[in-house]
Amino acid sequence: MKKPILMFAMLAVCASAAAQSQRHVRSYDRSGNEKYEAKHFQDAEMDYRRALNICPSDSVARFNLATTLIRQQDQAKLAEADSILNGLIMESEQQGNRALSARSLYQKGEIAMMSQQYEQAANAFKESLKRNPSDDDARFNYLLAKKQLEKQQNQDKQDKDQQQQKQDQQKQQQQQQEQKQQQDQQQKQQDQQQQQQQQQNQEQQQQNQQKMSQDQQQSILEQNEREEKETQAKVMRRQLDKNNEKKREMEIRRMNGTLKDW
């Protein structure tokens, strides 16, 4: 992390402010720097804002305020710092102030690193190095950002592959589930058909049994009638035989009586 700017001569001072006001601005800047070094970042922020209340265009106070906001690692303050740095970069590029542009780009790289926006961070550090090739911190962070970007891309690819694999597994499971449902439905239909067939067979069997029972009853009845007729015929024949036998006996008696008369 870069330290706040301490050398005021390298930056434009507030031209519209009186000498006494400029002394107040520098006094607040020095007080803010001391508090920054002591890691009292909120107190340092207040001093830099007091300086900007006197001279809103003071580049030193603006840069130091942005740096202090970054160190507090609050999302709203990071957004404010990024906005301040964008303004400083644009102004420093127009003014040809490569030192301020390099340091502002460096701080933008720090913000991007905190947000894990490694591609933006690498670009910011790279642009900072173009304006100040001797900045070893920018070079180190540029390489670090590139390495983190590579890891992030690999992780994104791995996550994407895992997500695709998960989707494929879910699709396969869904297909298997649908196939199982179809099989269950087919099995259910087969079971229903078997039950219907069994029921039809049972009904047919019952009908056959009923018909057989009726046929058997009719056959038994006819057999009983035949036997009854046969029995009646036998009785009649026996009766007839008896009658014939009596007639013969009477005839014989009559013939015997006639002979006696002779």
Protein backbone atom coordinates (compact mmCIF):
# COMPACT_ATOMS: atom_id res chain seq x y z
CA MET A 1 0.00 0.00 0.00
CA LYS A 2 1.35 3.41 -0.98
CA LYS A 3 1.82 6.02 1.74
CA PRO A 4 0.10 9.42 1.46
CA ILE A 5 1.91 12.05 -0.53
CA LEU A 6 4.28 13.96 1.71
CA MET A 7 6.12 16.13 -0.81
CA PHE A 8 3.77 18.98 -1.60
CA ALA A 9 6.07 20.61 -4.14
CA MET A 10 5.40 17.83 -6.67
CA LEU A 11 1.71 18.72 -6.85
CA ALA A 12 -0.19 21.85 -7.74
CA VAL A 13 -1.38 23.86 -4.76
CA CYS A 14 -4.61 25.77 -4.57
CA ALA A 15 -3.83 28.84 -6.63
CA SER A 16 -6.95 30.71 -5.54
CA ALA A 17 -6.24 30.40 -1.83
CA ALA A 18 -4.35 33.00 0.12
CA ALA A 19 -0.98 32.16 1.58
CA GLN A 20 -2.46 31.81 5.05
CA SER A 21 -5.18 29.49 3.76
CA GLN A 22 -2.53 27.43 2.01
CA ARG A 23 -0.68 27.10 5.28
CA HIS A 24 -3.87 25.83 6.88
CA VAL A 25 -4.29 23.31 4.06
CA ARG A 26 -0.71 22.08 4.48
CA SER A 27 -1.18 21.96 8.24
CA TYR A 28 -4.24 19.72 7.89
CA ASP A 29 -2.34 17.58 5.38
CA ARG A 30 0.58 17.12 7.78
CA SER A 31 -1.78 16.34 10.66
CA GLY A 32 -3.62 13.83 8.48
CA ASN A 33 -0.34 12.20 7.46
CA GLU A 34 0.71 11.79 11.08
CA LYS A 35 -2.61 10.18 11.95
CA TYR A 36 -2.39 8.02 8.84
CA GLU A 37 1.07 6.78 9.89
CA ALA A 38 -0.40 5.98 13.30
CA LYS A 39 -3.19 4.03 11.51
CA HIS A 40 -5.86 6.41 12.82
CA PHE A 41 -7.47 6.46 9.43
CA GLN A 42 -10.81 8.02 10.36
CA ASP A 43 -9.08 10.90 12.13
CA ALA A 44 -6.75 11.33 9.14
CA GLU A 45 -9.80 11.38 6.87
CA MET A 46 -11.28 14.27 8.87
CA ASP A 47 -8.08 16.31 8.50
CA TYR A 48 -7.93 15.76 4.74
CA ARG A 49 -11.57 16.78 4.43
CA ARG A 50 -10.87 19.95 6.42
CA ALA A 51 -8.08 20.76 3.98
CA LEU A 52 -10.44 20.21 1.05
CA ASN A 53 -13.06 22.45 2.64
CA ILE A 54 -10.49 25.25 2.31
CA CYS A 55 -9.25 24.25 -1.14
CA PRO A 56 -11.46 21.60 -2.90
CA SER A 57 -9.03 21.35 -5.85
CA ASP A 58 -5.95 20.56 -3.75
CA SER A 59 -4.43 17.47 -5.34
CA VAL A 60 -2.42 16.50 -2.25
CA ALA A 61 -5.44 16.43 0.03
CA ARG A 62 -7.55 14.65 -2.59
CA PHE A 63 -4.97 11.92 -3.15
CA ASN A 64 -4.32 11.48 0.59
CA LEU A 65 -8.06 11.35 1.29
CA ALA A 66 -8.50 8.65 -1.36
CA THR A 67 -5.60 6.65 0.11
CA THR A 68 -7.05 6.95 3.63
CA LEU A 69 -10.50 5.88 2.44
CA ILE A 70 -8.97 2.81 0.81
CA ARG A 71 -7.28 1.76 4.04
CA GLN A 72 -10.65 1.73 5.86
CA GLN A 73 -11.90 -1.00 3.48
CA ASP A 74 -15.51 0.17 3.49
CA GLN A 75 -17.43 -0.36 0.24
CA ALA A 76 -18.95 3.12 0.19
CA LYS A 77 -15.57 4.71 0.96
CA LEU A 78 -13.85 2.57 -1.65
CA ALA A 79 -16.34 3.84 -4.22
CA GLU A 80 -15.64 7.43 -3.17
CA ALA A 81 -11.88 6.84 -3.35
CA ASP A 82 -12.22 5.37 -6.84
CA SER A 83 -14.16 8.42 -7.97
CA ILE A 84 -11.50 10.78 -6.53
CA LEU A 85 -8.71 8.83 -8.24
CA ASN A 86 -10.48 8.91 -11.59
CA GLY A 87 -10.58 12.69 -11.37
CA LEU A 88 -6.92 12.88 -10.37
CA ILE A 89 -5.85 10.60 -13.23
CA MET A 90 -7.73 12.64 -15.79
CA GLU A 91 -6.30 15.93 -14.46
CA SER A 92 -2.75 14.63 -14.11
CA GLU A 93 -2.82 13.24 -17.66
CA GLN A 94 -3.97 16.61 -18.98
CA GLN A 95 -1.30 18.40 -16.96
CA GLY A 96 1.44 15.91 -17.86
CA ASN A 97 1.95 15.02 -14.18
CA ARG A 98 3.17 11.44 -14.64
CA ALA A 99 4.04 11.00 -10.94
CA LEU A 100 0.52 11.75 -9.74
CA SER A 101 -0.98 9.72 -12.56
CA ALA A 102 1.25 6.73 -11.68
CA ARG A 103 0.40 6.85 -7.97
CA SER A 104 -3.34 7.33 -8.64
CA LEU A 105 -3.35 4.35 -11.03
CA TYR A 106 -1.50 2.34 -8.38
CA GLN A 107 -4.21 3.12 -5.83
CA LYS A 108 -6.91 2.14 -8.31
CA GLY A 109 -5.10 -1.18 -8.65
CA GLU A 110 -5.26 -1.56 -4.86
CA ILE A 111 -9.04 -0.99 -4.92
CA ALA A 112 -9.45 -3.56 -7.71
CA MET A 113 -7.35 -6.09 -5.77
CA MET A 114 -9.57 -5.67 -2.70
CA SER A 115 -12.61 -6.33 -4.88
CA GLN A 116 -10.88 -9.36 -6.46
CA GLN A 117 -11.13 -7.66 -9.85
CA TYR A 118 -7.71 -8.92 -10.80
CA GLU A 119 -7.88 -8.10 -14.49
CA GLN A 120 -8.66 -4.45 -13.73
CA ALA A 121 -5.97 -4.45 -11.04
CA ALA A 122 -3.33 -5.83 -13.44
CA ASN A 123 -4.25 -3.20 -16.03
CA ALA A 124 -4.02 -0.39 -13.44
CA PHE A 125 -0.61 -1.54 -12.16
CA LYS A 126 0.60 -1.97 -15.74
CA GLU A 127 -0.41 1.61 -16.61
CA SER A 128 1.22 2.84 -13.40
CA LEU A 129 4.48 1.12 -14.41
CA LYS A 130 4.36 2.78 -17.83
CA ARG A 131 4.43 6.17 -16.10
CA ASN A 132 6.94 5.14 -13.45
CA PRO A 133 8.98 2.08 -14.57
CA SER A 134 11.15 2.20 -11.42
CA ASP A 135 8.22 1.52 -9.08
CA ASP A 136 9.04 -1.93 -7.68
CA ASP A 137 5.79 -2.05 -5.67
CA ALA A 138 3.75 -1.55 -8.83
CA ARG A 139 5.78 -4.23 -10.61
CA PHE A 140 5.32 -6.70 -7.74
CA ASN A 141 1.58 -6.03 -7.53
CA TYR A 142 1.24 -6.26 -11.30
CA LEU A 143 2.76 -9.75 -11.26
CA LEU A 144 0.67 -10.67 -8.21
CA ALA A 145 -2.52 -9.45 -9.92
CA LYS A 146 -1.67 -11.48 -13.04
CA LYS A 147 -1.08 -14.57 -10.90
CA GLN A 148 -4.33 -14.04 -9.00
CA LEU A 149 -6.13 -13.48 -12.30
CA GLU A 150 -4.79 -16.77 -13.61
CA LYS A 151 -5.95 -18.53 -10.45
CA GLN A 152 -9.33 -16.85 -10.70
CA GLN A 153 -9.72 -17.85 -14.33
CA ASN A 154 -8.70 -21.42 -13.51
CA GLN A 155 -11.12 -21.44 -10.60
CA ASP A 156 -13.86 -20.00 -12.79
CA LYS A 157 -13.17 -22.69 -15.37
CA GLN A 158 -13.17 -25.34 -12.67
CA ASP A 159 -16.41 -23.96 -11.23
CA LYS A 160 -17.90 -23.86 -14.72
CA ASP A 161 -16.81 -27.44 -15.38
CA GLN A 162 -18.21 -28.53 -12.03
CA GLN A 163 -21.42 -26.68 -12.73
CA GLN A 164 -21.64 -28.32 -16.15
CA GLN A 165 -20.89 -31.68 -14.58
CA LYS A 166 -23.55 -31.04 -11.96
CA GLN A 167 -26.03 -30.08 -14.66
CA ASP A 168 -25.12 -33.20 -16.65
CA GLN A 169 -25.60 -35.33 -13.54
CA GLN A 170 -28.92 -33.67 -12.82
CA LYS A 171 -29.97 -34.18 -16.43
CA GLN A 172 -28.89 -37.81 -16.26
CA GLN A 173 -30.72 -38.29 -12.97
CA GLN A 174 -33.79 -36.66 -14.45
CA GLN A 175 -33.60 -38.92 -17.47
CA GLN A 176 -33.19 -41.95 -15.21
CA GLN A 177 -36.11 -40.79 -13.11
CA GLU A 178 -38.25 -40.27 -16.19
CA GLN A 179 -37.19 -43.68 -17.50
CA LYS A 180 -38.04 -45.26 -14.15
CA GLN A 181 -41.40 -43.50 -14.16
CA GLN A 182 -42.06 -44.84 -17.64
CA GLN A 183 -41.06 -48.33 -16.54
CA ASP A 184 -43.24 -48.05 -13.45
CA GLN A 185 -46.11 -46.84 -15.61
CA GLN A 186 -45.61 -49.71 -18.05
CA GLN A 187 -45.38 -52.17 -15.18
CA LYS A 188 -48.54 -50.69 -13.69
CA GLN A 189 -50.32 -51.06 -17.01
CA GLN A 190 -49.10 -54.64 -17.32
CA ASP A 191 -50.27 -55.39 -13.78
CA GLN A 192 -53.65 -53.86 -14.56
CA GLN A 193 -53.89 -55.88 -17.76
CA GLN A 194 -52.94 -59.05 -15.88
CA GLN A 195 -55.52 -58.29 -13.21
CA GLN A 196 -58.14 -57.67 -15.86
CA GLN A 197 -57.17 -60.88 -17.63
CA GLN A 198 -57.28 -62.81 -14.37
CA GLN A 199 -60.65 -61.31 -13.57
CA GLN A 200 -61.93 -62.21 -17.03
CA ASN A 201 -60.56 -65.74 -16.61
CA GLN A 202 -62.22 -66.05 -13.25
CA GLU A 203 -65.51 -64.80 -14.64
CA GLN A 204 -65.21 -67.16 -17.59
CA GLN A 205 -64.36 -70.01 -15.25
CA GLN A 206 -67.35 -69.18 -13.09
CA GLN A 207 -69.55 -69.06 -16.17
CA ASN A 208 -68.13 -72.37 -17.31
CA GLN A 209 -68.71 -73.85 -13.89
CA GLN A 210 -72.24 -72.52 -13.83
CA LYS A 211 -72.86 -73.88 -17.30
CA MET A 212 -71.28 -77.19 -16.35
CA SER A 213 -73.37 -77.32 -13.23
CA GLN A 214 -76.51 -76.67 -15.25
CA ASP A 215 -75.49 -79.31 -17.79
CA GLN A 216 -74.75 -81.75 -15.00
CA GLN A 217 -78.07 -81.03 -13.37
CA GLN A 218 -79.85 -81.52 -16.70
CA SER A 219 -77.91 -84.72 -17.29
CA ILE A 220 -78.75 -86.03 -13.81
CA LEU A 221 -82.38 -85.07 -14.29
CA GLU A 222 -82.51 -86.83 -17.63
CA GLN A 223 -80.75 -89.83 -16.16
CA ASN A 224 -83.23 -89.90 -13.28
CA GLU A 225 -86.10 -89.68 -15.76
CA ARG A 226 -84.61 -92.54 -17.80
CA GLU A 227 -84.11 -94.63 -14.70
CA GLU A 228 -87.62 -93.85 -13.58
CA LYS A 229 -89.00 -94.81 -16.96
CA GLU A 230 -86.92 -97.98 -16.96
CA THR A 231 -88.17 -98.80 -13.47
CA GLN A 232 -91.75 -98.15 -14.53
CA ALA A 233 -91.22 -100.31 -17.60
CA LYS A 234 -89.80 -103.10 -15.45
CA VAL A 235 -92.73 -102.83 -13.08
CA MET A 236 -95.16 -102.91 -15.97
CA ARG A 237 -93.38 -105.89 -17.49
CA ARG A 238 -93.48 -107.70 -14.18
CA GLN A 239 -97.12 -106.88 -13.80
CA LEU A 240 -97.79 -108.00 -17.31
CA ASP A 241 -95.86 -111.19 -16.70
CA LYS A 242 -97.90 -111.80 -13.55
CA ASN A 243 -101.12 -111.21 -15.43
CA ASN A 244 -100.02 -113.52 -18.18
CA GLU A 245 -99.04 -116.10 -15.65
CA LYS A 246 -102.46 -115.89 -13.99
CA LYS A 247 -104.15 -116.19 -17.35
CA ARG A 248 -102.15 -119.30 -18.14
CA GLU A 249 -102.96 -120.79 -14.77
CA MET A 250 -106.64 -120.07 -15.27
CA GLU A 251 -106.50 -121.48 -18.76
CA ILE A 252 -104.84 -124.59 -17.47
CA ARG A 253 -107.41 -124.94 -14.75
CA ARG A 254 -110.21 -124.51 -17.21
CA MET A 255 -108.72 -127.09 -19.47
CA ASN A 256 -108.29 -129.48 -16.56
CA GLY A 257 -111.89 -128.97 -15.56
CA THR A 258 -113.10 -129.72 -19.04
CA LEU A 259 -111.18 -132.93 -19.13
CA LYS A 260 -112.68 -134.02 -15.90
CA ASP A 261 -116.09 -133.53 -17.33
CA TRP A 262 -115.19 -135.85 -20.10
